[in-house]
Amino acid sequence: MTGNRYVTLRVPASSKSSTFRVVTWRGPASRRGVFARLLEQPFEMVRFERGGPRHWPEVVRTSGVVSPDTSAYVVDRITLPIPNPWRRNVRPADVDFFRDGRAAVVTFEGDVWIVKGIDRDLDRLEWKRFASGLYETLAIEVVDEQVYVYGREGIVRLHDLNRDGEADYYENFTNLIVQSIESREFPLSMDERPGGGFYVSKGGALDLGPKTSPGIMPGFRAGSRHAGTVLEVSADGRTVRMYASGLREPFIGVHPRTGAVAASDQQGNFVPSTPVYLLREGGYYGVPATAHRDSLPAEQLPVVWLPHRVDQVGVGGGVGCRATGWGSGAMR
């Protein structure tokens, strides 16, 4: 007991697995005997590997809107599941796809939805709530039919153990991505790295919202050592290293074959409107507050500038075309 507030449990190091339980109880001293008898009873650990019952069995059905245009590039609209039985707001942050065409959609509210029926007609979309309780999740990837989400808690791998359409086990794939409580140090984007692992981007600690760390230069607070960077995550999630720094609010896209990493950045302090970079490993991209190094190297220049009237914000993941032109092949 520490300061009559905390209880510390120390488990000896061992190469063997062990099973133990931690029991807490609160009540009058006269009832300690009841608690003692409770501890004498046998117990059985929950067989979590079997999965559990569904929390959200309902399916929400909507109809989309197919663009009437016949241009090479058109936009169809997928109607959101609002209203829904759980009164959840649905603000999609990112989407990826399974091999059979189903979409995995993550929302800023911390939900993951699986969407069926994305076809030429869009007249029967089925939304199924797959996971919930995540923390400001802004990115999702489906790798080998497994769903990964990236939020303030790190990267979480979601397992549907009993194949009932809901995640039963939320696995900590990695929590080595350092996260401050600065409101604008968002976990912005994630993309699969060829050969395994991921690239992720983190927002800079902008001088906005509640003051939780000191200001260090105009427009920025201290934040964490990973603020305003692009990071490389190993295939097993056990190592994270800085790939590029000096960014403000970067969103990335990764070429699925070559592994080239492109990034856009958001207009604001130190960032004119609107740069798109082809990142170099170890590169610095013009924001000294997020350089995270003792001396500033030469600034890497963008491959293209987008005028402010064309793109005012410059956020969003990259989209690649695997064919010879827009509209003539599969999109990623």
C-alpha atoms as a PDB file:
ATOM      1  CA  MET A   1       0.000   0.000   0.000  1.00  0.00           C
ATOM      2  CA  THR A   2       1.331   3.428  -0.968  1.00  0.00           C
ATOM      3  CA  GLY A   3      -0.031   6.489   0.779  1.00  0.00           C
ATOM      4  CA  ASN A   4      -3.255   4.641   1.572  1.00  0.00           C
ATOM      5  CA  ARG A   5      -4.150   5.094  -2.121  1.00  0.00           C
ATOM      6  CA  TYR A   6      -2.330   2.552  -4.296  1.00  0.00           C
ATOM      7  CA  VAL A   7      -1.733  -1.174  -4.079  1.00  0.00           C
ATOM      8  CA  THR A   8       1.225  -2.569  -6.023  1.00  0.00           C
ATOM      9  CA  LEU A   9       1.280  -6.187  -7.158  1.00  0.00           C
ATOM     10  CA  ARG A  10       4.703  -7.604  -8.019  1.00  0.00           C
ATOM     11  CA  VAL A  11       4.826 -10.747 -10.165  1.00  0.00           C
ATOM     12  CA  PRO A  12       8.207 -12.530 -10.197  1.00  0.00           C
ATOM     13  CA  ALA A  13       9.845 -12.905 -13.603  1.00  0.00           C
ATOM     14  CA  SER A  14       9.470 -16.392 -15.053  1.00  0.00           C
ATOM     15  CA  SER A  15       9.846 -18.199 -18.367  1.00  0.00           C
ATOM     16  CA  LYS A  16       6.643 -20.129 -17.640  1.00  0.00           C
ATOM     17  CA  SER A  17       3.071 -18.870 -17.875  1.00  0.00           C
ATOM     18  CA  SER A  18       1.074 -18.607 -14.662  1.00  0.00           C
ATOM     19  CA  THR A  19      -2.532 -17.996 -13.728  1.00  0.00           C
ATOM     20  CA  PHE A  20      -3.502 -15.749 -10.844  1.00  0.00           C
ATOM     21  CA  ARG A  21      -6.366 -13.550  -9.844  1.00  0.00           C
ATOM     22  CA  VAL A  22      -6.632 -10.102  -8.299  1.00  0.00           C
ATOM     23  CA  VAL A  23      -9.705  -9.487  -6.132  1.00  0.00           C
ATOM     24  CA  THR A  24     -10.783  -6.157  -4.700  1.00  0.00           C
ATOM     25  CA  TRP A  25     -13.404  -5.711  -2.025  1.00  0.00           C
ATOM     26  CA  ARG A  26     -14.834  -2.811  -0.072  1.00  0.00           C
ATOM     27  CA  GLY A  27     -17.044  -3.039   2.992  1.00  0.00           C
ATOM     28  CA  PRO A  28     -17.179  -2.736   6.783  1.00  0.00           C
ATOM     29  CA  ALA A  29     -14.558  -4.555   8.862  1.00  0.00           C
ATOM     30  CA  SER A  30     -17.304  -6.689  10.386  1.00  0.00           C
ATOM     31  CA  ARG A  31     -17.847  -8.331   7.007  1.00  0.00           C
ATOM     32  CA  ARG A  32     -14.253  -9.429   6.418  1.00  0.00           C
ATOM     33  CA  GLY A  33     -15.233 -13.016   7.107  1.00  0.00           C
ATOM     34  CA  VAL A  34     -17.529 -13.021   4.087  1.00  0.00           C
ATOM     35  CA  PHE A  35     -14.661 -11.805   1.950  1.00  0.00           C
ATOM     36  CA  ALA A  36     -12.319 -14.462   3.336  1.00  0.00           C
ATOM     37  CA  ARG A  37     -14.804 -17.244   2.547  1.00  0.00           C
ATOM     38  CA  LEU A  38     -15.149 -15.855  -0.959  1.00  0.00           C
ATOM     39  CA  LEU A  39     -11.416 -16.259  -1.505  1.00  0.00           C
ATOM     40  CA  GLU A  40     -11.574 -19.903  -0.450  1.00  0.00           C
ATOM     41  CA  GLN A  41     -13.971 -20.783  -3.261  1.00  0.00           C
ATOM     42  CA  PRO A  42     -12.524 -22.277  -6.464  1.00  0.00           C
ATOM     43  CA  PHE A  43     -12.458 -20.058  -9.501  1.00  0.00           C
ATOM     44  CA  GLU A  44     -12.241 -20.552 -13.225  1.00  0.00           C
ATOM     45  CA  MET A  45     -10.685 -18.163 -15.704  1.00  0.00           C
ATOM     46  CA  VAL A  46     -12.925 -17.066 -18.551  1.00  0.00           C
ATOM     47  CA  ARG A  47     -12.082 -18.913 -21.766  1.00  0.00           C
ATOM     48  CA  PHE A  48     -11.547 -15.721 -23.702  1.00  0.00           C
ATOM     49  CA  GLU A  49     -10.162 -17.529 -26.755  1.00  0.00           C
ATOM     50  CA  ARG A  50     -13.680 -18.730 -27.552  1.00  0.00           C
ATOM     51  CA  GLY A  51     -15.050 -15.231 -28.004  1.00  0.00           C
ATOM     52  CA  GLY A  52     -18.244 -13.933 -26.474  1.00  0.00           C
ATOM     53  CA  PRO A  53     -21.825 -13.059 -27.339  1.00  0.00           C
ATOM     54  CA  ARG A  54     -22.570 -10.209 -29.702  1.00  0.00           C
ATOM     55  CA  HIS A  55     -23.165  -6.766 -28.208  1.00  0.00           C
ATOM     56  CA  TRP A  56     -24.712  -5.228 -31.345  1.00  0.00           C
ATOM     57  CA  PRO A  57     -26.689  -7.886 -33.248  1.00  0.00           C
ATOM     58  CA  GLU A  58     -28.729  -5.382 -35.254  1.00  0.00           C
ATOM     59  CA  VAL A  59     -27.826  -4.534 -38.868  1.00  0.00           C
ATOM     60  CA  VAL A  60     -28.488  -0.995 -40.107  1.00  0.00           C
ATOM     61  CA  ARG A  61     -29.536  -0.820 -43.754  1.00  0.00           C
ATOM     62  CA  THR A  62     -29.135   2.248 -45.949  1.00  0.00           C
ATOM     63  CA  SER A  63     -29.168   3.065 -49.663  1.00  0.00           C
ATOM     64  CA  GLY A  64     -26.381   4.919 -51.416  1.00  0.00           C
ATOM     65  CA  VAL A  65     -26.470   7.410 -54.270  1.00  0.00           C
ATOM     66  CA  VAL A  66     -24.785   6.518 -57.569  1.00  0.00           C
ATOM     67  CA  SER A  67     -23.358   9.450 -59.489  1.00  0.00           C
ATOM     68  CA  PRO A  68     -25.365  10.183 -62.652  1.00  0.00           C
ATOM     69  CA  ASP A  69     -22.198  11.394 -64.391  1.00  0.00           C
ATOM     70  CA  THR A  70     -20.245   9.164 -66.773  1.00  0.00           C
ATOM     71  CA  SER A  71     -16.870  10.899 -66.529  1.00  0.00           C
ATOM     72  CA  ALA A  72     -13.674   8.947 -65.904  1.00  0.00           C
ATOM     73  CA  TYR A  73     -13.700  10.082 -62.275  1.00  0.00           C
ATOM     74  CA  VAL A  74     -17.010  10.283 -60.417  1.00  0.00           C
ATOM     75  CA  VAL A  75     -18.087  10.247 -56.775  1.00  0.00           C
ATOM     76  CA  ASP A  76     -20.766   7.863 -55.487  1.00  0.00           C
ATOM     77  CA  ARG A  77     -22.193   8.468 -52.016  1.00  0.00           C
ATOM     78  CA  ILE A  78     -22.371   5.822 -49.286  1.00  0.00           C
ATOM     79  CA  THR A  79     -25.178   6.728 -46.871  1.00  0.00           C
ATOM     80  CA  LEU A  80     -24.191   6.583 -43.203  1.00  0.00           C
ATOM     81  CA  PRO A  81     -26.060   4.444 -40.625  1.00  0.00           C
ATOM     82  CA  ILE A  82     -27.802   7.378 -38.943  1.00  0.00           C
ATOM     83  CA  PRO A  83     -30.011   6.905 -37.021  1.00  0.00           C
ATOM     84  CA  ASN A  84     -28.942   3.622 -35.443  1.00  0.00           C
ATOM     85  CA  PRO A  85     -30.119   1.614 -32.399  1.00  0.00           C
ATOM     86  CA  TRP A  86     -27.250   2.859 -30.226  1.00  0.00           C
ATOM     87  CA  ARG A  87     -27.629   6.570 -31.037  1.00  0.00           C
ATOM     88  CA  ARG A  88     -24.006   6.647 -32.150  1.00  0.00           C
ATOM     89  CA  ASN A  89     -22.757   9.532 -34.200  1.00  0.00           C
ATOM     90  CA  VAL A  90     -20.897   8.247 -37.256  1.00  0.00           C
ATOM     91  CA  ARG A  91     -18.063  10.503 -38.430  1.00  0.00           C
ATOM     92  CA  PRO A  92     -15.914   8.335 -40.714  1.00  0.00           C
ATOM     93  CA  ALA A  93     -12.181   8.982 -40.464  1.00  0.00           C
ATOM     94  CA  ASP A  94     -10.760   6.244 -42.715  1.00  0.00           C
ATOM     95  CA  VAL A  95     -11.755   3.198 -44.740  1.00  0.00           C
ATOM     96  CA  ASP A  96     -10.109   0.050 -46.078  1.00  0.00           C
ATOM     97  CA  PHE A  97     -11.425  -3.045 -47.819  1.00  0.00           C
ATOM     98  CA  PHE A  98     -11.542  -6.824 -47.449  1.00  0.00           C
ATOM     99  CA  ARG A  99     -10.865  -9.046 -50.442  1.00  0.00           C
ATOM    100  CA  ASP A 100     -14.591  -9.703 -50.937  1.00  0.00           C
ATOM    101  CA  GLY A 101     -15.366  -5.985 -51.288  1.00  0.00           C
ATOM    102  CA  ARG A 102     -16.662  -5.319 -47.787  1.00  0.00           C
ATOM    103  CA  ALA A 103     -15.458  -2.049 -46.276  1.00  0.00           C
ATOM    104  CA  ALA A 104     -14.045  -1.518 -42.779  1.00  0.00           C
ATOM    105  CA  VAL A 105     -14.836   2.031 -41.637  1.00  0.00           C
ATOM    106  CA  VAL A 106     -13.378   3.633 -38.510  1.00  0.00           C
ATOM    107  CA  THR A 107     -14.966   6.700 -36.918  1.00  0.00           C
ATOM    108  CA  PHE A 108     -13.621   9.503 -34.771  1.00  0.00           C
ATOM    109  CA  GLU A 109     -16.020   8.283 -32.071  1.00  0.00           C
ATOM    110  CA  GLY A 110     -13.959   5.091 -31.728  1.00  0.00           C
ATOM    111  CA  ASP A 111     -16.219   2.657 -33.581  1.00  0.00           C
ATOM    112  CA  VAL A 112     -15.426   0.240 -36.403  1.00  0.00           C
ATOM    113  CA  TRP A 113     -18.233  -0.631 -38.819  1.00  0.00           C
ATOM    114  CA  ILE A 114     -18.226  -3.337 -41.514  1.00  0.00           C
ATOM    115  CA  VAL A 115     -20.191  -2.397 -44.638  1.00  0.00           C
ATOM    116  CA  LYS A 116     -21.612  -4.909 -47.136  1.00  0.00           C
ATOM    117  CA  GLY A 117     -23.348  -4.256 -50.434  1.00  0.00           C
ATOM    118  CA  ILE A 118     -20.923  -1.790 -52.016  1.00  0.00           C
ATOM    119  CA  ASP A 119     -21.735  -2.591 -55.635  1.00  0.00           C
ATOM    120  CA  ARG A 120     -22.811  -0.782 -58.806  1.00  0.00           C
ATOM    121  CA  ASP A 121     -26.297  -0.036 -57.478  1.00  0.00           C
ATOM    122  CA  LEU A 122     -25.619   0.784 -53.791  1.00  0.00           C
ATOM    123  CA  ASP A 123     -29.297   0.091 -53.104  1.00  0.00           C
ATOM    124  CA  ARG A 124     -28.796  -2.295 -50.169  1.00  0.00           C
ATOM    125  CA  LEU A 125     -25.945  -1.288 -47.893  1.00  0.00           C
ATOM    126  CA  GLU A 126     -25.636  -3.199 -44.620  1.00  0.00           C
ATOM    127  CA  TRP A 127     -23.747  -1.640 -41.706  1.00  0.00           C
ATOM    128  CA  LYS A 128     -22.623  -3.901 -38.863  1.00  0.00           C
ATOM    129  CA  ARG A 129     -20.938  -2.504 -35.762  1.00  0.00           C
ATOM    130  CA  PHE A 130     -17.716  -4.473 -35.315  1.00  0.00           C
ATOM    131  CA  ALA A 131     -15.851  -2.756 -32.448  1.00  0.00           C
ATOM    132  CA  SER A 132     -16.203   0.202 -30.114  1.00  0.00           C
ATOM    133  CA  GLY A 133     -14.513   1.990 -27.208  1.00  0.00           C
ATOM    134  CA  LEU A 134     -11.383   3.077 -29.089  1.00  0.00           C
ATOM    135  CA  TYR A 135      -9.755   6.486 -28.529  1.00  0.00           C
ATOM    136  CA  GLU A 136      -9.944   9.030 -31.367  1.00  0.00           C
ATOM    137  CA  THR A 137      -9.174   6.479 -34.066  1.00  0.00           C
ATOM    138  CA  LEU A 138      -8.353   8.174 -37.363  1.00  0.00           C
ATOM    139  CA  ALA A 139      -6.829   5.354 -39.428  1.00  0.00           C
ATOM    140  CA  ILE A 140      -7.654   1.750 -40.331  1.00  0.00           C
ATOM    141  CA  GLU A 141      -5.911  -0.950 -42.369  1.00  0.00           C
ATOM    142  CA  VAL A 142      -7.030  -4.446 -43.385  1.00  0.00           C
ATOM    143  CA  VAL A 143      -3.951  -6.666 -43.680  1.00  0.00           C
ATOM    144  CA  ASP A 144      -4.408 -10.353 -44.531  1.00  0.00           C
ATOM    145  CA  GLU A 145      -8.103  -9.927 -43.673  1.00  0.00           C
ATOM    146  CA  GLN A 146      -7.165  -8.670 -40.177  1.00  0.00           C
ATOM    147  CA  VAL A 147      -8.347  -5.233 -39.017  1.00  0.00           C
ATOM    148  CA  TYR A 148      -5.852  -2.784 -37.484  1.00  0.00           C
ATOM    149  CA  VAL A 149      -6.813   0.642 -36.142  1.00  0.00           C
ATOM    150  CA  TYR A 150      -4.588   3.548 -35.132  1.00  0.00           C
ATOM    151  CA  GLY A 151      -5.645   5.880 -32.332  1.00  0.00           C
ATOM    152  CA  ARG A 152      -4.243   7.662 -29.328  1.00  0.00           C
ATOM    153  CA  GLU A 153      -3.675   4.303 -27.607  1.00  0.00           C
ATOM    154  CA  GLY A 154      -1.422   3.144 -30.462  1.00  0.00           C
ATOM    155  CA  ILE A 155      -2.158   0.443 -33.038  1.00  0.00           C
ATOM    156  CA  VAL A 156      -4.800  -2.110 -32.022  1.00  0.00           C
ATOM    157  CA  ARG A 157      -5.354  -5.407 -33.837  1.00  0.00           C
ATOM    158  CA  LEU A 158      -8.967  -6.602 -33.714  1.00  0.00           C
ATOM    159  CA  HIS A 159      -9.799 -10.319 -33.556  1.00  0.00           C
ATOM    160  CA  ASP A 160     -13.193 -11.899 -34.214  1.00  0.00           C
ATOM    161  CA  LEU A 161     -12.506 -15.166 -32.415  1.00  0.00           C
ATOM    162  CA  ASN A 162     -15.858 -16.859 -32.987  1.00  0.00           C
ATOM    163  CA  ARG A 163     -16.543 -15.340 -36.439  1.00  0.00           C
ATOM    164  CA  ASP A 164     -19.856 -13.770 -35.445  1.00  0.00           C
ATOM    165  CA  GLY A 165     -19.095 -10.405 -37.028  1.00  0.00           C
ATOM    166  CA  GLU A 166     -17.844  -8.629 -33.892  1.00  0.00           C
ATOM    167  CA  ALA A 167     -14.376  -8.190 -32.450  1.00  0.00           C
ATOM    168  CA  ASP A 168     -13.889 -10.233 -29.270  1.00  0.00           C
ATOM    169  CA  TYR A 169     -10.255  -9.439 -28.535  1.00  0.00           C
ATOM    170  CA  TYR A 170      -8.573  -6.030 -28.827  1.00  0.00           C
ATOM    171  CA  GLU A 171      -4.850  -6.784 -29.047  1.00  0.00           C
ATOM    172  CA  ASN A 172      -2.222  -4.155 -28.279  1.00  0.00           C
ATOM    173  CA  PHE A 173      -0.179  -4.463 -31.479  1.00  0.00           C
ATOM    174  CA  THR A 174       2.064  -1.592 -30.368  1.00  0.00           C
ATOM    175  CA  ASN A 175       1.877   1.233 -27.852  1.00  0.00           C
ATOM    176  CA  LEU A 176       5.416   2.483 -28.498  1.00  0.00           C
ATOM    177  CA  ILE A 177       4.134   5.513 -30.408  1.00  0.00           C
ATOM    178  CA  VAL A 178       4.519   8.284 -27.840  1.00  0.00           C
ATOM    179  CA  GLN A 179       1.317  10.270 -27.319  1.00  0.00           C
ATOM    180  CA  SER A 180       0.897  13.483 -25.333  1.00  0.00           C
ATOM    181  CA  ILE A 181      -2.459  14.838 -24.173  1.00  0.00           C
ATOM    182  CA  GLU A 182      -2.205  17.838 -26.486  1.00  0.00           C
ATOM    183  CA  SER A 183      -5.548  18.076 -28.275  1.00  0.00           C
ATOM    184  CA  ARG A 184      -4.041  18.519 -31.778  1.00  0.00           C
ATOM    185  CA  GLU A 185      -1.368  15.830 -31.548  1.00  0.00           C
ATOM    186  CA  PHE A 186      -3.658  13.476 -33.402  1.00  0.00           C
ATOM    187  CA  PRO A 187      -2.772   9.959 -34.625  1.00  0.00           C
ATOM    188  CA  LEU A 188      -3.464  11.003 -38.192  1.00  0.00           C
ATOM    189  CA  SER A 189      -2.848   8.259 -40.750  1.00  0.00           C
ATOM    190  CA  MET A 190      -1.499   4.752 -41.238  1.00  0.00           C
ATOM    191  CA  ASP A 191      -0.584   2.694 -44.276  1.00  0.00           C
ATOM    192  CA  GLU A 192       0.763  -0.817 -44.762  1.00  0.00           C
ATOM    193  CA  ARG A 193       4.494  -1.159 -45.319  1.00  0.00           C
ATOM    194  CA  PRO A 194       5.517  -3.637 -48.048  1.00  0.00           C
ATOM    195  CA  GLY A 195       7.219  -6.556 -46.335  1.00  0.00           C
ATOM    196  CA  GLY A 196       5.269  -6.087 -43.103  1.00  0.00           C
ATOM    197  CA  GLY A 197       4.552  -3.411 -40.557  1.00  0.00           C
ATOM    198  CA  PHE A 198       3.201   0.077 -41.049  1.00  0.00           C
ATOM    199  CA  TYR A 199       4.037   3.718 -41.551  1.00  0.00           C
ATOM    200  CA  VAL A 200       2.070   6.107 -39.331  1.00  0.00           C
ATOM    201  CA  SER A 201       1.915   9.884 -39.062  1.00  0.00           C
ATOM    202  CA  LYS A 202       1.295  12.064 -36.019  1.00  0.00           C
ATOM    203  CA  GLY A 203       0.142  15.655 -35.821  1.00  0.00           C
ATOM    204  CA  GLY A 204       2.221  18.377 -34.252  1.00  0.00           C
ATOM    205  CA  ALA A 205       1.293  19.791 -30.845  1.00  0.00           C
ATOM    206  CA  LEU A 206      -0.377  22.950 -32.146  1.00  0.00           C
ATOM    207  CA  ASP A 207      -1.000  25.830 -29.766  1.00  0.00           C
ATOM    208  CA  LEU A 208      -4.754  25.209 -29.651  1.00  0.00           C
ATOM    209  CA  GLY A 209      -7.190  23.896 -27.069  1.00  0.00           C
ATOM    210  CA  PRO A 210      -6.461  23.433 -23.339  1.00  0.00           C
ATOM    211  CA  LYS A 211      -2.882  24.286 -22.404  1.00  0.00           C
ATOM    212  CA  THR A 212      -1.233  21.041 -21.327  1.00  0.00           C
ATOM    213  CA  SER A 213       2.423  21.729 -22.206  1.00  0.00           C
ATOM    214  CA  PRO A 214       4.542  24.874 -22.600  1.00  0.00           C
ATOM    215  CA  GLY A 215       4.761  26.825 -25.828  1.00  0.00           C
ATOM    216  CA  ILE A 216       8.082  26.428 -27.630  1.00  0.00           C
ATOM    217  CA  MET A 217       7.643  28.702 -30.664  1.00  0.00           C
ATOM    218  CA  PRO A 218       4.812  30.477 -32.505  1.00  0.00           C
ATOM    219  CA  GLY A 219       1.931  28.097 -33.047  1.00  0.00           C
ATOM    220  CA  PHE A 220       3.408  25.082 -31.240  1.00  0.00           C
ATOM    221  CA  ARG A 221       3.680  23.529 -27.797  1.00  0.00           C
ATOM    222  CA  ALA A 222       6.147  20.943 -26.588  1.00  0.00           C
ATOM    223  CA  GLY A 223       3.996  17.829 -27.036  1.00  0.00           C
ATOM    224  CA  SER A 224       5.729  14.451 -27.317  1.00  0.00           C
ATOM    225  CA  ARG A 225       8.955  13.424 -29.044  1.00  0.00           C
ATOM    226  CA  HIS A 226       6.891  11.904 -31.863  1.00  0.00           C
ATOM    227  CA  ALA A 227       4.717  14.968 -32.585  1.00  0.00           C
ATOM    228  CA  GLY A 228       4.784  16.045 -36.230  1.00  0.00           C
ATOM    229  CA  THR A 229       6.586  12.958 -37.515  1.00  0.00           C
ATOM    230  CA  VAL A 230       6.183   9.920 -39.734  1.00  0.00           C
ATOM    231  CA  LEU A 231       7.159   6.688 -37.982  1.00  0.00           C
ATOM    232  CA  GLU A 232       8.014   3.203 -39.210  1.00  0.00           C
ATOM    233  CA  VAL A 233       6.491   0.329 -37.213  1.00  0.00           C
ATOM    234  CA  SER A 234       8.080  -3.127 -37.476  1.00  0.00           C
ATOM    235  CA  ALA A 235       6.129  -6.167 -38.663  1.00  0.00           C
ATOM    236  CA  ASP A 236       5.794  -7.499 -35.098  1.00  0.00           C
ATOM    237  CA  GLY A 237       4.955  -4.110 -33.561  1.00  0.00           C
ATOM    238  CA  ARG A 238       7.878  -4.316 -31.155  1.00  0.00           C
ATOM    239  CA  THR A 239       9.976  -1.485 -32.576  1.00  0.00           C
ATOM    240  CA  VAL A 240       9.110   2.012 -33.763  1.00  0.00           C
ATOM    241  CA  ARG A 241      11.604   4.374 -35.366  1.00  0.00           C
ATOM    242  CA  MET A 242      11.395   7.863 -36.783  1.00  0.00           C
ATOM    243  CA  TYR A 243      11.278   7.980 -40.579  1.00  0.00           C
ATOM    244  CA  ALA A 244      10.762  11.731 -41.201  1.00  0.00           C
ATOM    245  CA  SER A 245      10.181  14.810 -39.046  1.00  0.00           C
ATOM    246  CA  GLY A 246       9.546  18.541 -39.186  1.00  0.00           C
ATOM    247  CA  LEU A 247       5.907  18.216 -40.258  1.00  0.00           C
ATOM    248  CA  ARG A 248       2.803  20.031 -39.028  1.00  0.00           C
ATOM    249  CA  GLU A 249      -0.241  17.783 -39.583  1.00  0.00           C
ATOM    250  CA  PRO A 250       0.909  15.167 -42.109  1.00  0.00           C
ATOM    251  CA  PHE A 251      -1.180  12.535 -43.865  1.00  0.00           C
ATOM    252  CA  ILE A 252       0.617   9.771 -45.731  1.00  0.00           C
ATOM    253  CA  GLY A 253       0.146   7.265 -48.531  1.00  0.00           C
ATOM    254  CA  VAL A 254       2.474   4.328 -49.277  1.00  0.00           C
ATOM    255  CA  HIS A 255       3.051   2.775 -52.687  1.00  0.00           C
ATOM    256  CA  PRO A 256       2.040  -0.896 -52.275  1.00  0.00           C
ATOM    257  CA  ARG A 257       4.942  -2.249 -54.346  1.00  0.00           C
ATOM    258  CA  THR A 258       7.865   0.145 -53.983  1.00  0.00           C
ATOM    259  CA  GLY A 259       7.178   1.334 -50.429  1.00  0.00           C
ATOM    260  CA  ALA A 260       7.607   4.992 -51.418  1.00  0.00           C
ATOM    261  CA  VAL A 261       6.006   7.254 -48.811  1.00  0.00           C
ATOM    262  CA  ALA A 262       4.178  10.392 -49.906  1.00  0.00           C
ATOM    263  CA  ALA A 263       2.758  12.984 -47.515  1.00  0.00           C
ATOM    264  CA  SER A 264       0.638  16.086 -47.637  1.00  0.00           C
ATOM    265  CA  ASP A 265       0.838  18.696 -44.899  1.00  0.00           C
ATOM    266  CA  GLN A 266      -1.660  21.197 -43.551  1.00  0.00           C
ATOM    267  CA  GLN A 267      -1.280  24.905 -44.182  1.00  0.00           C
ATOM    268  CA  GLY A 268      -0.392  26.916 -41.070  1.00  0.00           C
ATOM    269  CA  ASN A 269       2.639  27.991 -39.045  1.00  0.00           C
ATOM    270  CA  PHE A 270       5.812  27.291 -41.084  1.00  0.00           C
ATOM    271  CA  VAL A 271       3.768  25.490 -43.771  1.00  0.00           C
ATOM    272  CA  PRO A 272       2.581  27.378 -46.874  1.00  0.00           C
ATOM    273  CA  SER A 273      -0.456  26.081 -48.723  1.00  0.00           C
ATOM    274  CA  THR A 274      -0.247  23.202 -49.619  1.00  0.00           C
ATOM    275  CA  PRO A 275       2.801  20.947 -49.983  1.00  0.00           C
ATOM    276  CA  VAL A 276       2.880  17.328 -51.144  1.00  0.00           C
ATOM    277  CA  TYR A 277       6.155  15.543 -50.385  1.00  0.00           C
ATOM    278  CA  LEU A 278       7.848  12.367 -51.481  1.00  0.00           C
ATOM    279  CA  LEU A 279       9.432  11.590 -48.130  1.00  0.00           C
ATOM    280  CA  ARG A 280      13.047  10.596 -47.692  1.00  0.00           C
ATOM    281  CA  GLU A 281      14.191   8.542 -44.736  1.00  0.00           C
ATOM    282  CA  GLY A 282      15.612  10.949 -42.173  1.00  0.00           C
ATOM    283  CA  GLY A 283      14.217  13.952 -44.047  1.00  0.00           C
ATOM    284  CA  TYR A 284      13.276  17.280 -42.435  1.00  0.00           C
ATOM    285  CA  TYR A 285      10.267  19.169 -43.815  1.00  0.00           C
ATOM    286  CA  GLY A 286      10.416  22.716 -42.521  1.00  0.00           C
ATOM    287  CA  VAL A 287       8.744  22.864 -39.096  1.00  0.00           C
ATOM    288  CA  PRO A 288      11.480  23.402 -36.473  1.00  0.00           C
ATOM    289  CA  ALA A 289       9.095  22.684 -33.574  1.00  0.00           C
ATOM    290  CA  THR A 290       8.772  19.053 -34.724  1.00  0.00           C
ATOM    291  CA  ALA A 291      12.305  18.457 -36.011  1.00  0.00           C
ATOM    292  CA  HIS A 292      13.295  16.529 -32.861  1.00  0.00           C
ATOM    293  CA  ARG A 293      17.014  16.953 -33.489  1.00  0.00           C
ATOM    294  CA  ASP A 294      19.731  19.231 -32.152  1.00  0.00           C
ATOM    295  CA  SER A 295      20.586  20.963 -35.429  1.00  0.00           C
ATOM    296  CA  LEU A 296      18.338  21.460 -38.424  1.00  0.00           C
ATOM    297  CA  PRO A 297      19.412  19.779 -41.673  1.00  0.00           C
ATOM    298  CA  ALA A 298      18.542  21.101 -45.106  1.00  0.00           C
ATOM    299  CA  GLU A 299      14.815  21.278 -45.671  1.00  0.00           C
ATOM    300  CA  GLN A 300      13.378  18.837 -48.205  1.00  0.00           C
ATOM    301  CA  LEU A 301      11.152  20.517 -50.786  1.00  0.00           C
ATOM    302  CA  PRO A 302       7.758  19.310 -51.993  1.00  0.00           C
ATOM    303  CA  VAL A 303       7.237  17.636 -55.336  1.00  0.00           C
ATOM    304  CA  VAL A 304       4.157  19.811 -55.909  1.00  0.00           C
ATOM    305  CA  TRP A 305       2.357  22.772 -54.340  1.00  0.00           C
ATOM    306  CA  LEU A 306      -1.446  22.868 -54.357  1.00  0.00           C
ATOM    307  CA  PRO A 307      -2.870  26.422 -54.472  1.00  0.00           C
ATOM    308  CA  HIS A 308      -5.008  27.434 -51.523  1.00  0.00           C
ATOM    309  CA  ARG A 309      -8.048  27.922 -53.752  1.00  0.00           C
ATOM    310  CA  VAL A 310      -7.705  24.285 -54.851  1.00  0.00           C
ATOM    311  CA  ASP A 311      -7.064  22.685 -51.446  1.00  0.00           C
ATOM    312  CA  GLN A 312      -7.493  24.746 -48.278  1.00  0.00           C
ATOM    313  CA  VAL A 313      -6.629  22.052 -45.756  1.00  0.00           C
ATOM    314  CA  GLY A 314      -4.476  19.399 -47.430  1.00  0.00           C
ATOM    315  CA  VAL A 315      -5.384  16.482 -45.178  1.00  0.00           C
ATOM    316  CA  GLY A 316      -6.264  12.979 -46.286  1.00  0.00           C
ATOM    317  CA  GLY A 317      -4.464   9.795 -47.207  1.00  0.00           C
ATOM    318  CA  GLY A 318      -2.928   9.149 -50.604  1.00  0.00           C
ATOM    319  CA  VAL A 319      -4.821   7.430 -53.392  1.00  0.00           C
ATOM    320  CA  GLY A 320      -2.925   5.532 -56.086  1.00  0.00           C
ATOM    321  CA  CYS A 321      -4.029   4.369 -59.519  1.00  0.00           C
ATOM    322  CA  ARG A 322      -2.503   1.060 -60.604  1.00  0.00           C
ATOM    323  CA  ALA A 323      -3.523   1.447 -64.245  1.00  0.00           C
ATOM    324  CA  THR A 324      -2.337   3.905 -66.893  1.00  0.00           C
ATOM    325  CA  GLY A 325      -4.851   6.637 -66.078  1.00  0.00           C
ATOM    326  CA  TRP A 326      -7.707   7.730 -63.886  1.00  0.00           C
ATOM    327  CA  GLY A 327     -10.825   5.711 -64.430  1.00  0.00           C
ATOM    328  CA  SER A 328      -9.139   2.980 -66.495  1.00  0.00           C
ATOM    329  CA  GLY A 329      -8.287   0.519 -63.762  1.00  0.00           C
ATOM    330  CA  ALA A 330      -8.645  -0.476 -60.139  1.00  0.00           C
ATOM    331  CA  MET A 331      -8.247   2.218 -57.505  1.00  0.00           C
ATOM    332  CA  ARG A 332      -6.465   1.858 -54.221  1.00  0.00           C
END
